[in-house]
């Protein structure tokens, strides 16, 4: 198959077609030749499924300082102040960028942007498009990308590994990224993409868990690729579990927006009790980690499968106007949210840690950027506040564009890069091995590295993950790559990162709650994994 290799040269390669990747692409000058690699269709990204909105200080009664303070509190004071200020101050420019692209947000009766409120926010500062904000943003940005003549789109291409000068054997030169290898799923062909700048905007890693609100693409690809390329990764122990995902056999990974609680919905037990008041004075508007942990506690205490989310005390017209997408979808499933309570459970939702970047989204490897959920900017700390994540995508996407434009020089001296060589491997004889390892990994993470942790659970998880990693590495070396194998290879590495970071944190803070260390520690620190912190970095497998 190596003779079928195809090599492509661009100015910038962007892996991912969500809000982070497309905001970068659309912010770069039009004379840049840009490749966008999407693992599935262009809209199949976490951005598309975001229901809430974008947090931004737009109201006169609100302030930048209030947004900063709310973020720091929600992040259990582990947020890095410079990153928080940069993001919050980028709120209005981000909204202007989205409006310029043509995103149609919900307006109030005065034809101004309607602002709603979500958990952790002291003010109404969430701009939204009804209850399907992500869909409105994603479809608009995708349309702009498809119209841009300088963007070449590669759908159903799965990135495999970053190519760097040192991995090519040029140890005498300063290391930098020069592109990546990617699998074209339709043909099983491995392509070589070369560029002086590569951006990983591939989302998070919450498919590591058995129950998740994320689309199937969220397998930690960017985090794993960056780590293998020599980049530091931080705070992987902080995995946000969204408190309210629909519990229904016919609706997998369906999220019930936080805005519903922002507009007054109650969480109830089977007997009708509003239990959140027993856990936090903010009740249903407490930060997500508090709400998710409370639901998890009640489910385990009572031996029930779910709790109830109730907005039936609001007028039917109000519910249908504010939550049209939810109303219609749940009605299809036999739940009328104007009269019926909604069965909900927590599910893995957001990766707060990621690849360490600077204020311009530059990683430790020159020429390699990480944006959005793939990155660790310092914004989220120990817990992401609702609707700050989309804002981060746009602020850092535009920032990366400015940095790339500033550094860009022509012509770029591309090194000789060998074609992907799979002449020494064979086709897999039993893909059931991948399926079995996939299921075992996700069950292990859910059972041992979930909302509530213990040292013993983490040790058990690490033992199982190390065995799985060994099996998957051997399989990867012996057989031709496939999308499932690439994802599984990345997911087992990222799962190991999550466990090892969790084992290092001897306290309970934000999203990391352990029964062995239930109190806050006195030291504020991030957990950093530095290659080869827990594995010796190996050269690219299958490189000729």
Protein backbone atom coordinates (compact mmCIF):
# COMPACT_ATOMS: atom_id res chain seq x y z
CA UNK A 1 0.00 0.00 0.00
CA UNK A 2 2.89 2.38 0.45
CA UNK A 3 3.02 2.95 -3.31
CA UNK A 4 -0.46 4.49 -3.08
CA UNK A 5 0.76 7.18 -0.71
CA UNK A 6 -0.30 10.70 -1.53
CA UNK A 7 1.60 13.75 -0.28
CA UNK A 8 -0.04 17.16 0.16
CA UNK A 9 1.63 20.49 0.98
CA UNK A 10 -0.18 23.36 2.68
CA UNK A 11 0.60 26.48 4.68
CA UNK A 12 -1.55 25.33 7.60
CA UNK A 13 -3.09 21.97 8.50
CA UNK A 14 -6.05 21.98 10.90
CA UNK A 15 -7.26 18.70 12.41
CA UNK A 16 -10.88 19.14 13.46
CA UNK A 17 -13.91 20.98 12.12
CA UNK A 18 -15.56 22.25 15.29
CA UNK A 19 -15.65 25.78 16.63
CA UNK A 20 -11.93 25.86 17.46
CA UNK A 21 -10.64 24.58 14.12
CA UNK A 22 -13.02 26.60 11.94
CA UNK A 23 -12.49 29.84 13.87
CA UNK A 24 -8.77 29.44 13.22
CA UNK A 25 -9.32 28.68 9.54
CA UNK A 26 -11.69 31.60 8.99
CA UNK A 27 -9.44 34.04 10.88
CA UNK A 28 -6.32 33.36 8.81
CA UNK A 29 -5.62 35.59 5.79
CA UNK A 30 -7.32 34.48 2.59
CA UNK A 31 -4.00 33.94 0.79
CA UNK A 32 -3.10 31.08 3.15
CA UNK A 33 -3.46 27.62 1.67
CA UNK A 34 -5.24 25.64 4.41
CA UNK A 35 -6.22 21.99 4.84
CA UNK A 36 -9.03 20.98 7.19
CA UNK A 37 -9.14 17.31 8.19
CA UNK A 38 -12.43 16.07 9.61
CA UNK A 39 -12.58 12.57 11.09
CA UNK A 40 -16.21 12.28 10.03
CA UNK A 41 -18.49 14.83 8.38
CA UNK A 42 -17.70 18.50 8.90
CA UNK A 43 -20.52 19.04 11.39
CA UNK A 44 -19.74 15.91 13.43
CA UNK A 45 -17.97 17.78 16.23
CA UNK A 46 -18.80 18.56 19.85
CA UNK A 47 -19.61 22.15 18.86
CA UNK A 48 -22.61 20.94 16.84
CA UNK A 49 -24.16 19.30 19.91
CA UNK A 50 -23.65 22.21 22.33
CA UNK A 51 -27.05 23.39 23.49
CA UNK A 52 -26.32 26.19 25.95
CA UNK A 53 -24.40 29.04 24.37
CA UNK A 54 -21.40 31.36 24.51
CA UNK A 55 -20.54 33.24 27.72
CA UNK A 56 -19.74 36.91 27.12
CA UNK A 57 -20.03 40.15 29.09
CA UNK A 58 -22.51 42.18 27.07
CA UNK A 59 -25.03 43.52 29.60
CA UNK A 60 -24.51 46.86 31.38
CA UNK A 61 -25.17 45.26 34.76
CA UNK A 62 -22.41 42.71 34.15
CA UNK A 63 -18.64 43.24 34.20
CA UNK A 64 -15.41 41.59 33.09
CA UNK A 65 -14.41 41.25 36.76
CA UNK A 66 -17.64 39.46 37.66
CA UNK A 67 -17.11 36.95 34.84
CA UNK A 68 -13.50 36.44 35.97
CA UNK A 69 -14.59 35.95 39.59
CA UNK A 70 -17.32 33.46 38.63
CA UNK A 71 -14.85 31.47 36.53
CA UNK A 72 -12.28 31.33 39.32
CA UNK A 73 -14.88 30.14 41.84
CA UNK A 74 -16.26 27.48 39.50
CA UNK A 75 -12.72 26.29 38.74
CA UNK A 76 -12.01 25.85 42.49
CA UNK A 77 -9.42 28.65 42.19
CA UNK A 78 -7.14 26.44 40.09
CA UNK A 79 -7.72 28.56 36.98
CA UNK A 80 -4.73 30.53 35.72
CA UNK A 81 -5.68 34.20 36.02
CA UNK A 82 -3.95 35.39 32.83
CA UNK A 83 -5.83 32.79 30.76
CA UNK A 84 -9.14 33.69 32.42
CA UNK A 85 -8.63 37.41 31.74
CA UNK A 86 -7.61 36.78 28.13
CA UNK A 87 -10.67 34.62 27.53
CA UNK A 88 -13.21 36.84 29.28
CA UNK A 89 -11.88 39.98 27.62
CA UNK A 90 -12.22 38.18 24.30
CA UNK A 91 -15.95 37.76 24.79
CA UNK A 92 -17.20 40.71 22.77
CA UNK A 93 -14.67 40.22 19.92
CA UNK A 94 -15.75 36.57 19.74
CA UNK A 95 -19.42 37.52 19.51
CA UNK A 96 -18.57 40.07 16.82
CA UNK A 97 -16.69 37.36 14.90
CA UNK A 98 -19.68 35.01 15.06
CA UNK A 99 -22.14 37.70 14.03
CA UNK A 100 -19.88 38.63 11.12
CA UNK A 101 -19.91 35.00 9.99
CA UNK A 102 -23.72 35.13 10.02
CA UNK A 103 -24.65 33.13 13.13
CA UNK A 104 -28.27 33.94 14.03
CA UNK A 105 -28.62 34.19 17.80
CA UNK A 106 -31.89 34.55 19.69
CA UNK A 107 -32.96 38.17 20.19
CA UNK A 108 -35.08 39.74 22.93
CA UNK A 109 -38.15 41.94 22.46
CA UNK A 110 -35.86 44.95 21.86
CA UNK A 111 -34.04 43.11 19.05
CA UNK A 112 -30.93 42.82 21.23
CA UNK A 113 -29.05 39.58 21.88
CA UNK A 114 -31.05 37.60 24.43
CA UNK A 115 -28.98 36.61 27.45
CA UNK A 116 -29.72 33.58 29.60
CA UNK A 117 -28.05 32.31 32.77
CA UNK A 118 -26.40 29.01 33.57
CA UNK A 119 -24.87 27.30 36.59
CA UNK A 120 -21.96 29.17 38.22
CA UNK A 121 -22.75 32.51 36.52
CA UNK A 122 -23.82 35.41 38.73
CA UNK A 123 -25.33 37.28 35.77
CA UNK A 124 -27.23 36.60 32.58
CA UNK A 125 -24.39 36.48 30.04
CA UNK A 126 -25.06 33.48 27.79
CA UNK A 127 -25.87 34.35 24.18
CA UNK A 128 -27.65 31.50 22.47
CA UNK A 129 -29.69 30.33 19.49
CA UNK A 130 -32.73 28.96 21.33
CA UNK A 131 -31.54 25.65 22.81
CA UNK A 132 -29.42 24.58 19.82
CA UNK A 133 -26.60 27.14 19.85
CA UNK A 134 -23.92 24.69 18.78
CA UNK A 135 -25.89 23.63 15.73
CA UNK A 136 -26.37 27.26 14.66
CA UNK A 137 -22.66 28.03 15.10
CA UNK A 138 -21.43 24.82 13.50
CA UNK A 139 -23.63 24.93 10.40
CA UNK A 140 -22.79 28.60 9.80
CA UNK A 141 -19.04 28.18 10.17
CA UNK A 142 -19.08 25.03 8.04
CA UNK A 143 -20.90 26.91 5.30
CA UNK A 144 -18.32 29.72 5.42
CA UNK A 145 -15.50 27.16 5.26
CA UNK A 146 -17.06 25.44 2.25
CA UNK A 147 -17.34 28.81 0.50
CA UNK A 148 -13.73 29.83 1.17
CA UNK A 149 -11.54 29.16 -1.91
CA UNK A 150 -8.34 28.86 0.15
CA UNK A 151 -9.67 25.99 2.30
CA UNK A 152 -9.36 22.38 1.13
CA UNK A 153 -11.60 20.04 3.12
CA UNK A 154 -10.80 16.38 3.71
CA UNK A 155 -13.76 14.58 5.28
CA UNK A 156 -13.41 11.11 6.82
CA UNK A 157 -9.65 11.48 7.28
CA UNK A 158 -8.24 10.17 10.56
CA UNK A 159 -5.01 11.78 11.78
CA UNK A 160 -2.48 9.20 12.99
CA UNK A 161 0.64 10.99 14.23
CA UNK A 162 2.46 14.31 14.05
CA UNK A 163 5.64 14.39 11.94
CA UNK A 164 8.53 16.30 13.53
CA UNK A 165 12.12 16.94 12.49
CA UNK A 166 13.52 14.88 15.36
CA UNK A 167 11.30 11.93 14.53
CA UNK A 168 12.65 12.15 10.99
CA UNK A 169 16.17 11.84 12.37
CA UNK A 170 17.22 15.51 12.22
CA UNK A 171 18.38 15.64 15.83
CA UNK A 172 20.99 18.28 14.95
CA UNK A 173 18.25 20.82 14.14
CA UNK A 174 15.78 22.58 16.45
CA UNK A 175 12.72 20.37 16.64
CA UNK A 176 9.47 21.47 15.00
CA UNK A 177 6.31 19.94 13.54
CA UNK A 178 6.21 19.65 9.78
CA UNK A 179 2.88 17.88 9.29
CA UNK A 180 1.19 14.55 9.98
CA UNK A 181 0.09 11.21 8.60
CA UNK A 182 -3.62 10.55 8.13
CA UNK A 183 -5.78 7.61 7.09
CA UNK A 184 -8.37 8.12 4.36
CA UNK A 185 -11.09 5.85 5.67
CA UNK A 186 -12.84 5.25 2.34
CA UNK A 187 -9.73 3.82 0.64
CA UNK A 188 -7.56 2.72 3.61
CA UNK A 189 -4.85 4.91 2.07
CA UNK A 190 -2.31 6.69 4.29
CA UNK A 191 -1.68 10.28 3.21
CA UNK A 192 1.22 12.55 4.15
CA UNK A 193 0.24 16.14 4.95
CA UNK A 194 3.07 18.67 5.17
CA UNK A 195 2.90 22.25 6.45
CA UNK A 196 4.98 24.65 8.54
CA UNK A 197 2.01 24.96 10.92
CA UNK A 198 -0.28 22.23 12.24
CA UNK A 199 -3.20 22.79 14.61
CA UNK A 200 -4.88 20.06 16.63
CA UNK A 201 -8.50 21.03 17.29
CA UNK A 202 -9.92 17.54 17.67
CA UNK A 203 -11.95 17.88 20.87
CA UNK A 204 -11.66 15.97 24.10
CA UNK A 205 -11.49 12.38 25.30
CA UNK A 206 -14.77 11.61 27.00
CA UNK A 207 -15.38 8.50 24.87
CA UNK A 208 -13.03 6.98 27.44
CA UNK A 209 -16.16 6.58 29.58
CA UNK A 210 -19.03 4.15 29.17
CA UNK A 211 -21.68 6.87 29.43
CA UNK A 212 -20.97 10.17 27.70
CA UNK A 213 -22.74 13.08 26.07
CA UNK A 214 -19.99 13.34 23.44
CA UNK A 215 -20.11 12.30 19.79
CA UNK A 216 -18.14 9.21 18.76
CA UNK A 217 -15.19 11.28 17.52
CA UNK A 218 -14.15 12.37 21.05
CA UNK A 219 -11.36 9.84 21.50
CA UNK A 220 -8.53 12.11 22.66
CA UNK A 221 -6.69 12.01 19.33
CA UNK A 222 -5.09 15.45 19.57
CA UNK A 223 -3.99 14.98 23.18
CA UNK A 224 -2.41 11.60 22.42
CA UNK A 225 -0.71 12.76 19.22
CA UNK A 226 0.73 15.85 20.90
CA UNK A 227 2.06 13.82 23.82
CA UNK A 228 3.71 11.32 21.50
CA UNK A 229 5.28 14.29 19.69
CA UNK A 230 6.88 15.47 22.95
CA UNK A 231 4.35 17.98 24.34
CA UNK A 232 3.38 18.32 27.98
CA UNK A 233 -0.15 17.46 29.08
CA UNK A 234 -1.82 18.87 32.20
CA UNK A 235 -4.77 18.40 34.57
CA UNK A 236 -6.20 15.29 32.93
CA UNK A 237 -7.80 14.24 36.23
CA UNK A 238 -10.48 16.92 35.84
CA UNK A 239 -13.20 15.31 33.73
CA UNK A 240 -16.54 17.04 33.81
CA UNK A 241 -19.63 14.91 34.14
CA UNK A 242 -22.67 16.75 32.90
CA UNK A 243 -25.35 16.33 35.56
CA UNK A 244 -28.31 15.89 33.25
CA UNK A 245 -28.15 13.50 30.34
CA UNK A 246 -31.37 11.83 29.29
CA UNK A 247 -31.87 8.33 30.70
CA UNK A 248 -33.74 6.57 27.90
CA UNK A 249 -33.06 3.34 25.97
CA UNK A 250 -33.79 4.98 22.61
CA UNK A 251 -31.65 8.08 23.05
CA UNK A 252 -27.93 7.55 23.45
CA UNK A 253 -25.81 10.51 24.57
CA UNK A 254 -28.67 13.04 24.54
CA UNK A 255 -27.85 16.07 26.66
CA UNK A 256 -30.44 18.06 28.61
CA UNK A 257 -29.14 21.62 28.47
CA UNK A 258 -27.94 23.41 31.59
CA UNK A 259 -30.08 26.36 30.51
CA UNK A 260 -33.14 24.42 31.63
CA UNK A 261 -31.95 24.62 35.23
CA UNK A 262 -30.94 28.22 34.55
CA UNK A 263 -34.57 28.94 33.69
CA UNK A 264 -35.88 27.34 36.88
CA UNK A 265 -36.05 23.55 36.45
CA UNK A 266 -35.84 21.47 39.65
CA UNK A 267 -34.05 18.20 40.31
CA UNK A 268 -36.25 15.73 42.17
CA UNK A 269 -36.11 12.26 43.71
CA UNK A 270 -38.78 9.63 42.94
CA UNK A 271 -40.81 10.87 45.93
CA UNK A 272 -40.75 14.43 44.56
CA UNK A 273 -38.16 15.88 46.97
CA UNK A 274 -35.95 18.72 45.68
CA UNK A 275 -32.69 17.26 46.99
CA UNK A 276 -30.15 19.83 45.74
CA UNK A 277 -31.03 22.18 48.59
CA UNK A 278 -29.43 19.64 50.95
CA UNK A 279 -26.09 19.86 49.10
CA UNK A 280 -25.62 23.52 48.17
CA UNK A 281 -27.33 26.83 48.87
CA UNK A 282 -27.34 27.53 45.12
CA UNK A 283 -29.43 24.38 44.64
CA UNK A 284 -29.83 23.51 40.94
CA UNK A 285 -27.63 26.47 39.92
CA UNK A 286 -24.56 25.14 41.73
CA UNK A 287 -21.52 24.36 39.51
CA UNK A 288 -21.68 21.14 37.53
CA UNK A 289 -19.32 19.15 39.74
CA UNK A 290 -21.48 19.79 42.79
CA UNK A 291 -24.71 18.88 40.99
CA UNK A 292 -23.27 15.76 39.33
CA UNK A 293 -21.81 14.50 42.61
CA UNK A 294 -25.12 15.08 44.40
CA UNK A 295 -27.04 13.12 41.75
CA UNK A 296 -24.45 10.33 41.85
CA UNK A 297 -24.75 10.20 45.66
CA UNK A 298 -28.55 9.97 45.60
CA UNK A 299 -28.57 7.32 42.85
CA UNK A 300 -26.18 5.15 44.86
CA UNK A 301 -27.86 5.87 48.21
CA UNK A 302 -31.33 4.93 47.00
CA UNK A 303 -30.33 2.26 44.48
CA UNK A 304 -32.18 4.03 41.67
CA UNK A 305 -31.19 4.33 38.01
CA UNK A 306 -31.87 8.06 37.57
CA UNK A 307 -33.33 11.21 39.13
CA UNK A 308 -35.91 13.57 37.64
CA UNK A 309 -35.58 17.03 36.08
CA UNK A 310 -38.81 18.97 36.43
CA UNK A 311 -39.82 22.19 34.65
CA UNK A 312 -43.56 21.47 34.59
CA UNK A 313 -44.24 24.36 37.01
CA UNK A 314 -43.40 26.80 34.21
CA UNK A 315 -46.04 27.82 31.62
CA UNK A 316 -46.20 25.50 28.60
CA UNK A 317 -45.72 28.40 26.16
CA UNK A 318 -42.57 29.48 28.02
CA UNK A 319 -41.11 25.96 27.84
CA UNK A 320 -41.89 25.51 24.15
CA UNK A 321 -40.45 28.93 23.28
CA UNK A 322 -37.21 28.51 25.25
CA UNK A 323 -36.55 24.83 24.55
CA UNK A 324 -38.08 24.02 21.15
CA UNK A 325 -35.45 21.42 20.18
CA UNK A 326 -35.67 19.59 23.51
CA UNK A 327 -39.47 19.76 23.51
CA UNK A 328 -39.75 18.26 20.04
CA UNK A 329 -37.13 15.54 20.56
CA UNK A 330 -38.47 14.39 23.91
CA UNK A 331 -42.02 14.42 22.57
CA UNK A 332 -40.83 11.89 19.97
CA UNK A 333 -39.71 9.70 22.88
CA UNK A 334 -43.06 9.98 24.66
CA UNK A 335 -42.03 12.69 27.17
CA UNK A 336 -43.99 15.96 27.17
CA UNK A 337 -41.76 18.27 29.20
CA UNK A 338 -44.65 20.69 29.80
CA UNK A 339 -46.39 17.99 31.88
CA UNK A 340 -43.81 15.22 32.44
CA UNK A 341 -40.59 15.13 34.42
CA UNK A 342 -37.43 14.06 32.57
CA UNK A 343 -35.33 11.06 33.72
CA UNK A 344 -31.67 12.15 33.90
CA UNK A 345 -28.25 10.76 34.90
CA UNK A 346 -24.73 12.25 34.90
CA UNK A 347 -22.49 11.39 31.93
CA UNK A 348 -18.90 12.20 30.97
CA UNK A 349 -19.03 15.51 29.17
CA UNK A 350 -15.86 17.62 29.00
CA UNK A 351 -12.08 17.23 29.27
CA UNK A 352 -10.81 20.17 31.36
CA UNK A 353 -7.15 19.18 30.96
CA UNK A 354 -5.22 18.79 27.74
CA UNK A 355 -2.11 19.78 25.84
CA UNK A 356 -0.23 22.63 27.52
CA UNK A 357 -0.25 25.76 25.35
CA UNK A 358 0.74 29.41 25.69
CA UNK A 359 -1.50 32.44 25.16
CA UNK A 360 -1.32 31.88 21.37
CA UNK A 361 -2.22 28.16 21.53
CA UNK A 362 1.38 27.18 20.70
CA UNK A 363 2.42 23.84 22.25
CA UNK A 364 5.91 22.81 23.41
CA UNK A 365 6.69 21.74 19.81
CA UNK A 366 7.33 24.66 17.47
CA UNK A 367 4.78 24.84 14.67
CA UNK A 368 2.24 22.67 16.53
CA UNK A 369 -0.86 24.31 18.02
CA UNK A 370 -3.66 22.91 20.16
CA UNK A 371 -7.02 24.67 20.42
CA UNK A 372 -10.32 24.12 22.22
CA UNK A 373 -10.96 21.00 24.28
CA UNK A 374 -7.70 19.45 23.06
CA UNK A 375 -5.73 22.15 24.87
CA UNK A 376 -4.93 23.15 28.42
CA UNK A 377 -4.94 26.95 28.49
CA UNK A 378 -5.46 27.31 32.23
CA UNK A 379 -8.99 28.69 31.81
CA UNK A 380 -11.03 25.92 33.37
CA UNK A 381 -8.98 24.98 36.41
CA UNK A 382 -10.60 22.16 38.35
CA UNK A 383 -14.04 22.59 36.77
CA UNK A 384 -15.28 24.23 33.58
CA UNK A 385 -17.99 26.83 34.04
CA UNK A 386 -20.90 26.45 31.64
CA UNK A 387 -20.51 28.06 28.19
CA UNK A 388 -16.90 29.16 28.78
CA UNK A 389 -15.69 26.38 26.47
CA UNK A 390 -17.14 27.70 23.22
CA UNK A 391 -15.80 31.12 24.14
CA UNK A 392 -12.33 29.60 24.63
CA UNK A 393 -12.50 28.04 21.15
CA UNK A 394 -13.04 31.39 19.46
CA UNK A 395 -10.63 33.45 21.58
CA UNK A 396 -7.76 31.00 21.16
CA UNK A 397 -8.63 30.14 17.56
CA UNK A 398 -8.35 33.80 16.58
CA UNK A 399 -5.23 34.16 18.72
CA UNK A 400 -3.55 31.23 17.00
CA UNK A 401 -4.39 32.76 13.61
CA UNK A 402 -2.63 36.00 14.58
CA UNK A 403 0.41 34.10 15.85
CA UNK A 404 0.68 31.98 12.69
CA UNK A 405 0.32 35.02 10.46
CA UNK A 406 3.08 36.77 12.40
CA UNK A 407 5.47 33.80 12.15
CA UNK A 408 4.71 32.80 8.57
CA UNK A 409 7.51 33.17 6.03
CA UNK A 410 7.74 31.90 2.47
CA UNK A 411 9.14 29.68 1.19
CA UNK A 412 9.24 26.97 3.85
CA UNK A 413 12.03 24.43 3.45
CA UNK A 414 10.24 21.08 3.71
CA UNK A 415 12.39 18.11 4.73
CA UNK A 416 12.28 14.79 2.90
CA UNK A 417 9.49 12.80 4.53
CA UNK A 418 9.25 9.09 3.77
CA UNK A 419 5.93 7.60 2.79
CA UNK A 420 4.10 5.55 5.39
CA UNK A 421 5.44 2.01 5.17
CA UNK A 422 3.11 -0.84 6.04
CA UNK A 423 4.91 -3.50 4.00
CA UNK A 424 5.84 -5.41 7.16
CA UNK A 425 2.32 -5.69 8.58
CA UNK A 426 -0.81 -7.63 7.59
CA UNK A 427 -4.54 -7.08 7.62
CA UNK A 428 -6.11 -7.76 11.00
CA UNK A 429 -7.59 -11.23 11.24
CA UNK A 430 -10.05 -10.55 14.09
CA UNK A 431 -11.40 -7.05 14.71
CA UNK A 432 -13.29 -8.44 17.70
CA UNK A 433 -10.06 -7.90 19.66
CA UNK A 434 -10.44 -4.13 19.16
CA UNK A 435 -14.10 -4.22 20.18
CA UNK A 436 -13.36 -6.24 23.31
CA UNK A 437 -10.54 -3.93 24.42
CA UNK A 438 -12.66 -0.86 23.67
CA UNK A 439 -15.52 -2.11 25.87
CA UNK A 440 -13.20 -3.17 28.68
CA UNK A 441 -11.37 0.17 28.69
CA UNK A 442 -14.56 2.24 28.89
CA UNK A 443 -16.08 0.04 31.60
CA UNK A 444 -12.88 0.25 33.63
CA UNK A 445 -12.84 4.04 33.40
CA UNK A 446 -16.53 4.34 34.33
CA UNK A 447 -16.33 1.98 37.30
CA UNK A 448 -12.99 3.08 38.77
CA UNK A 449 -12.24 6.62 37.52
CA UNK A 450 -15.68 8.19 37.62
CA UNK A 451 -17.36 10.94 39.63
CA UNK A 452 -16.18 9.56 43.00
CA UNK A 453 -12.73 7.94 43.22
CA UNK A 454 -10.51 6.09 45.69
CA UNK A 455 -6.84 5.22 45.59
CA UNK A 456 -7.68 1.52 45.36
CA UNK A 457 -10.02 2.09 42.41
CA UNK A 458 -7.35 4.11 40.60
CA UNK A 459 -4.74 1.41 41.19
CA UNK A 460 -7.08 -1.23 39.79
CA UNK A 461 -7.80 0.95 36.79
CA UNK A 462 -4.10 1.55 36.10
CA UNK A 463 -3.37 -2.17 36.27
CA UNK A 464 -6.07 -2.98 33.71
CA UNK A 465 -5.13 -0.06 31.44
CA UNK A 466 -1.46 -1.06 31.37
CA UNK A 467 -2.44 -4.57 30.27
CA UNK A 468 -4.78 -3.21 27.61
CA UNK A 469 -2.15 -0.75 26.42
CA UNK A 470 0.36 -3.56 25.96
CA UNK A 471 -2.14 -5.60 23.93
CA UNK A 472 -3.14 -2.61 21.81
CA UNK A 473 0.49 -1.60 21.15
CA UNK A 474 1.30 -5.11 19.96
CA UNK A 475 -1.78 -5.14 17.77
CA UNK A 476 -0.85 -1.73 16.31
CA UNK A 477 2.64 -2.96 15.42
CA UNK A 478 1.44 -6.16 13.76
CA UNK A 479 -1.57 -5.05 11.71
CA UNK A 480 -2.56 -2.34 9.26
CA UNK A 481 -4.15 0.65 10.91
CA UNK A 482 -7.89 1.28 10.87
CA UNK A 483 -10.00 4.08 12.30
CA UNK A 484 -11.04 1.92 15.27
CA UNK A 485 -7.46 0.92 16.01
CA UNK A 486 -6.16 4.50 15.79
CA UNK A 487 -8.89 5.69 18.16
CA UNK A 488 -8.34 2.85 20.61
CA UNK A 489 -4.58 3.47 20.64
CA UNK A 490 -5.19 7.13 21.47
CA UNK A 491 -7.92 6.44 24.01
CA UNK A 492 -5.89 3.96 26.07
CA UNK A 493 -3.00 6.45 26.27
CA UNK A 494 -5.27 9.29 27.34
CA UNK A 495 -7.02 7.03 29.87
CA UNK A 496 -3.65 6.27 31.40
CA UNK A 497 -2.96 10.02 31.60
CA UNK A 498 -6.27 10.56 33.41
CA UNK A 499 -5.49 7.86 35.98
CA UNK A 500 -1.90 8.95 36.57
CA UNK A 501 -2.91 12.58 37.02
CA UNK A 502 -5.68 11.51 39.41
CA UNK A 503 -3.20 9.44 41.45
CA UNK A 504 -0.92 12.48 41.80
CA UNK A 505 -3.63 14.73 43.24
CA UNK A 506 -3.89 14.06 46.98
CA UNK A 507 -6.94 16.24 47.60
CA UNK A 508 -10.52 16.69 46.44
CA UNK A 509 -10.92 19.74 44.26
CA UNK A 510 -13.54 20.55 41.65
CA UNK A 511 -14.16 17.58 39.39
CA UNK A 512 -11.63 15.36 41.16
CA UNK A 513 -13.28 13.90 44.25
CA UNK A 514 -11.61 11.08 46.17
CA UNK A 515 -12.87 9.45 49.35
CA UNK A 516 -9.27 8.98 50.53
CA UNK A 517 -8.51 12.74 50.43
CA UNK A 518 -11.93 14.43 50.83
CA UNK A 519 -10.58 17.87 51.81
CA UNK A 520 -9.05 20.69 49.78
CA UNK A 521 -5.27 20.76 49.86
CA UNK A 522 -3.38 23.91 50.85
CA UNK A 523 -1.33 24.06 47.64
CA UNK A 524 -2.64 25.32 44.29
CA UNK A 525 -0.89 23.39 41.54
CA UNK A 526 -1.58 21.83 38.18
CA UNK A 527 -0.72 18.23 37.43
CA UNK A 528 1.72 18.04 34.52
CA UNK A 529 2.84 14.97 32.59
CA UNK A 530 6.09 15.58 30.71
CA UNK A 531 7.20 13.11 28.02
CA UNK A 532 8.61 10.64 28.77
CA UNK A 533 6.98 11.03 32.18
CA UNK A 534 5.38 7.61 32.15
CA UNK A 535 6.59 6.10 28.91
CA UNK A 536 9.71 6.36 26.78
CA UNK A 537 8.83 8.22 23.61
CA UNK A 538 9.16 5.93 20.62
CA UNK A 539 9.66 6.87 16.95
CA UNK A 540 6.68 6.67 14.64
CA UNK A 541 5.59 3.07 14.22
CA UNK A 542 5.66 1.84 10.64
CA UNK A 543 7.92 4.69 9.49
CA UNK A 544 10.16 3.46 6.69
